[in-house]
Amino acid sequence: VYGLKFKSFKALDAGGPLTQSALTKNTVQAADVFTTDPTIIKEKFVVLKDPENLFGYANVTPLVNKEGLSEEGVATLDAVSAKLDTKTLLDLDAQVQLDKKDPLDVAKEWLKSAGLG
């Protein structure tokens, strides 16, 4: 799609520790990593643009039993979805995984800062 010719291809895990290690050690120079993976921040990886949309979207989507959720619950999920973008989710993931903060505390803090808590 981009006209690149790679010297070789190395199959690793799907953006997991093998891929991250290979990038860090320069064993590979490009890899597919989830945009919300805090390793991007930790290792200062460069995120490339994908204007041709080669890589599909993997949006976070809340799934619930429609009959088990009130109208208020639906409205709350919609409000969170409207404000939770990739950059924010990456920051929240980094706080939990890298800074070892409690996930509940991180979520509560973000909800409050977003005017939802």
C-alpha atoms as a PDB file:
ATOM      1  CA  VAL A   1       0.000   0.000   0.000  1.00  0.00           C
ATOM      2  CA  TYR A   2       2.831   2.402   0.830  1.00  0.00           C
ATOM      3  CA  GLY A   3       5.350   1.126  -1.720  1.00  0.00           C
ATOM      4  CA  LEU A   4       7.784  -0.162   0.900  1.00  0.00           C
ATOM      5  CA  LYS A   5      10.081  -3.121   0.268  1.00  0.00           C
ATOM      6  CA  PHE A   6      11.112  -4.844   3.480  1.00  0.00           C
ATOM      7  CA  LYS A   7      14.293  -6.898   3.649  1.00  0.00           C
ATOM      8  CA  SER A   8      12.478  -9.566   5.654  1.00  0.00           C
ATOM      9  CA  PHE A   9       9.419 -10.335   7.754  1.00  0.00           C
ATOM     10  CA  LYS A  10       9.521 -11.802  11.248  1.00  0.00           C
ATOM     11  CA  ALA A  11       6.308 -13.221  12.750  1.00  0.00           C
ATOM     12  CA  LEU A  12       6.044 -12.394  16.452  1.00  0.00           C
ATOM     13  CA  ASP A  13       3.164 -12.067  18.878  1.00  0.00           C
ATOM     14  CA  ALA A  14       0.296  -9.631  18.234  1.00  0.00           C
ATOM     15  CA  GLY A  15       1.895  -6.484  19.633  1.00  0.00           C
ATOM     16  CA  GLY A  16       2.869  -8.249  22.844  1.00  0.00           C
ATOM     17  CA  PRO A  17       6.148  -8.632  24.722  1.00  0.00           C
ATOM     18  CA  LEU A  18       8.013 -10.325  21.851  1.00  0.00           C
ATOM     19  CA  THR A  19       7.135  -7.492  19.479  1.00  0.00           C
ATOM     20  CA  GLN A  20       7.940  -4.829  22.060  1.00  0.00           C
ATOM     21  CA  SER A  21      11.287  -6.425  22.883  1.00  0.00           C
ATOM     22  CA  ALA A  22      12.200  -6.752  19.202  1.00  0.00           C
ATOM     23  CA  LEU A  23      11.492  -3.040  18.659  1.00  0.00           C
ATOM     24  CA  THR A  24      13.421  -2.033  21.776  1.00  0.00           C
ATOM     25  CA  LYS A  25      16.444  -4.149  20.777  1.00  0.00           C
ATOM     26  CA  ASN A  26      16.211  -2.980  17.135  1.00  0.00           C
ATOM     27  CA  THR A  27      15.740  -6.577  15.985  1.00  0.00           C
ATOM     28  CA  VAL A  28      12.823  -5.190  13.960  1.00  0.00           C
ATOM     29  CA  GLN A  29      12.404  -1.599  12.870  1.00  0.00           C
ATOM     30  CA  ALA A  30       8.628  -1.554  12.372  1.00  0.00           C
ATOM     31  CA  ALA A  31       5.846  -3.488  14.064  1.00  0.00           C
ATOM     32  CA  ASP A  32       2.110  -3.520  14.691  1.00  0.00           C
ATOM     33  CA  VAL A  33       1.409  -2.449  18.283  1.00  0.00           C
ATOM     34  CA  PHE A  34      -1.908  -1.369  19.769  1.00  0.00           C
ATOM     35  CA  THR A  35      -2.141   2.435  19.975  1.00  0.00           C
ATOM     36  CA  THR A  36      -3.198   2.211  23.626  1.00  0.00           C
ATOM     37  CA  ASP A  37      -0.177   0.148  24.697  1.00  0.00           C
ATOM     38  CA  PRO A  38       1.778   2.122  27.329  1.00  0.00           C
ATOM     39  CA  THR A  39       5.030   0.637  26.024  1.00  0.00           C
ATOM     40  CA  ILE A  40       4.770   3.335  23.340  1.00  0.00           C
ATOM     41  CA  ILE A  41       5.301   5.938  26.063  1.00  0.00           C
ATOM     42  CA  LYS A  42       7.822   3.940  28.082  1.00  0.00           C
ATOM     43  CA  GLU A  43      10.095   3.115  25.143  1.00  0.00           C
ATOM     44  CA  LYS A  44       9.398   6.363  23.245  1.00  0.00           C
ATOM     45  CA  PHE A  45       8.274   4.452  20.143  1.00  0.00           C
ATOM     46  CA  VAL A  46       7.314   6.580  17.154  1.00  0.00           C
ATOM     47  CA  VAL A  47       3.715   6.047  16.069  1.00  0.00           C
ATOM     48  CA  LEU A  48       3.414   6.167  12.294  1.00  0.00           C
ATOM     49  CA  LYS A  49       0.419   7.651  10.493  1.00  0.00           C
ATOM     50  CA  ASP A  50      -1.741   5.346   8.384  1.00  0.00           C
ATOM     51  CA  PRO A  51      -3.476   7.649   5.878  1.00  0.00           C
ATOM     52  CA  GLU A  52      -4.281   4.700   3.592  1.00  0.00           C
ATOM     53  CA  ASN A  53      -6.080   2.903   6.456  1.00  0.00           C
ATOM     54  CA  LEU A  54      -4.102  -0.302   6.004  1.00  0.00           C
ATOM     55  CA  PHE A  55      -4.666  -1.207   9.647  1.00  0.00           C
ATOM     56  CA  GLY A  56      -8.276  -1.536  10.702  1.00  0.00           C
ATOM     57  CA  TYR A  57      -9.761   0.167  13.708  1.00  0.00           C
ATOM     58  CA  ALA A  58      -9.990  -1.694  16.993  1.00  0.00           C
ATOM     59  CA  ASN A  59     -12.218   0.643  18.945  1.00  0.00           C
ATOM     60  CA  VAL A  60     -13.090  -0.118  22.542  1.00  0.00           C
ATOM     61  CA  THR A  61     -16.777  -0.956  22.598  1.00  0.00           C
ATOM     62  CA  PRO A  62     -18.810  -1.594  25.735  1.00  0.00           C
ATOM     63  CA  LEU A  63     -21.038  -4.630  25.342  1.00  0.00           C
ATOM     64  CA  VAL A  64     -23.987  -5.279  27.634  1.00  0.00           C
ATOM     65  CA  ASN A  65     -27.235  -7.206  27.628  1.00  0.00           C
ATOM     66  CA  LYS A  66     -29.726  -4.633  26.318  1.00  0.00           C
ATOM     67  CA  GLU A  67     -32.397  -5.853  28.705  1.00  0.00           C
ATOM     68  CA  GLY A  68     -30.055  -5.647  31.688  1.00  0.00           C
ATOM     69  CA  LEU A  69     -29.142  -1.987  31.343  1.00  0.00           C
ATOM     70  CA  SER A  70     -31.340   0.987  32.195  1.00  0.00           C
ATOM     71  CA  GLU A  71     -31.695   4.076  30.003  1.00  0.00           C
ATOM     72  CA  GLU A  72     -29.462   5.866  32.500  1.00  0.00           C
ATOM     73  CA  GLY A  73     -26.813   3.160  32.040  1.00  0.00           C
ATOM     74  CA  VAL A  74     -26.972   3.535  28.259  1.00  0.00           C
ATOM     75  CA  ALA A  75     -26.654   7.321  28.593  1.00  0.00           C
ATOM     76  CA  THR A  76     -23.643   6.897  30.899  1.00  0.00           C
ATOM     77  CA  LEU A  77     -21.869   4.549  28.471  1.00  0.00           C
ATOM     78  CA  ASP A  78     -22.573   6.954  25.608  1.00  0.00           C
ATOM     79  CA  ALA A  79     -21.158   9.870  27.633  1.00  0.00           C
ATOM     80  CA  VAL A  80     -17.975   7.934  28.433  1.00  0.00           C
ATOM     81  CA  SER A  81     -17.586   6.788  24.816  1.00  0.00           C
ATOM     82  CA  ALA A  82     -17.938  10.368  23.592  1.00  0.00           C
ATOM     83  CA  LYS A  83     -15.007  11.563  25.721  1.00  0.00           C
ATOM     84  CA  LEU A  84     -12.668   8.557  25.819  1.00  0.00           C
ATOM     85  CA  ASP A  85     -10.300   8.895  22.859  1.00  0.00           C
ATOM     86  CA  THR A  86      -7.159   6.905  22.028  1.00  0.00           C
ATOM     87  CA  LYS A  87      -4.756   9.441  23.555  1.00  0.00           C
ATOM     88  CA  THR A  88      -6.696   9.470  26.833  1.00  0.00           C
ATOM     89  CA  LEU A  89      -6.955   5.684  26.955  1.00  0.00           C
ATOM     90  CA  LEU A  90      -3.201   5.395  26.374  1.00  0.00           C
ATOM     91  CA  ASP A  91      -2.589   7.779  29.271  1.00  0.00           C
ATOM     92  CA  LEU A  92      -4.955   5.852  31.554  1.00  0.00           C
ATOM     93  CA  ASP A  93      -3.349   2.527  30.600  1.00  0.00           C
ATOM     94  CA  ALA A  94       0.101   3.990  31.304  1.00  0.00           C
ATOM     95  CA  GLN A  95      -0.967   5.146  34.760  1.00  0.00           C
ATOM     96  CA  VAL A  96      -2.130   1.626  35.632  1.00  0.00           C
ATOM     97  CA  GLN A  97       0.530  -0.469  33.903  1.00  0.00           C
ATOM     98  CA  LEU A  98       3.621   1.740  34.195  1.00  0.00           C
ATOM     99  CA  ASP A  99       2.923   3.873  37.262  1.00  0.00           C
ATOM    100  CA  LYS A 100       1.200   0.952  39.068  1.00  0.00           C
ATOM    101  CA  LYS A 101      -1.774   3.091  40.110  1.00  0.00           C
ATOM    102  CA  ASP A 102      -4.991   1.409  41.178  1.00  0.00           C
ATOM    103  CA  PRO A 103      -7.313   1.058  38.128  1.00  0.00           C
ATOM    104  CA  LEU A 104     -10.365   2.149  40.118  1.00  0.00           C
ATOM    105  CA  ASP A 105      -8.592   5.313  41.321  1.00  0.00           C
ATOM    106  CA  VAL A 106      -7.425   6.117  37.784  1.00  0.00           C
ATOM    107  CA  ALA A 107     -10.942   5.619  36.415  1.00  0.00           C
ATOM    108  CA  LYS A 108     -12.552   7.742  39.128  1.00  0.00           C
ATOM    109  CA  GLU A 109     -10.020  10.534  38.600  1.00  0.00           C
ATOM    110  CA  TRP A 110     -10.580  10.533  34.835  1.00  0.00           C
ATOM    111  CA  LEU A 111     -14.375  10.481  35.180  1.00  0.00           C
ATOM    112  CA  LYS A 112     -14.182  13.484  37.487  1.00  0.00           C
ATOM    113  CA  SER A 113     -11.789  15.384  35.181  1.00  0.00           C
ATOM    114  CA  ALA A 114     -14.074  14.624  32.211  1.00  0.00           C
ATOM    115  CA  GLY A 115     -17.076  15.996  34.087  1.00  0.00           C
ATOM    116  CA  LEU A 116     -18.639  12.562  34.405  1.00  0.00           C
ATOM    117  CA  GLY A 117     -17.943  11.712  38.030  1.00  0.00           C
END
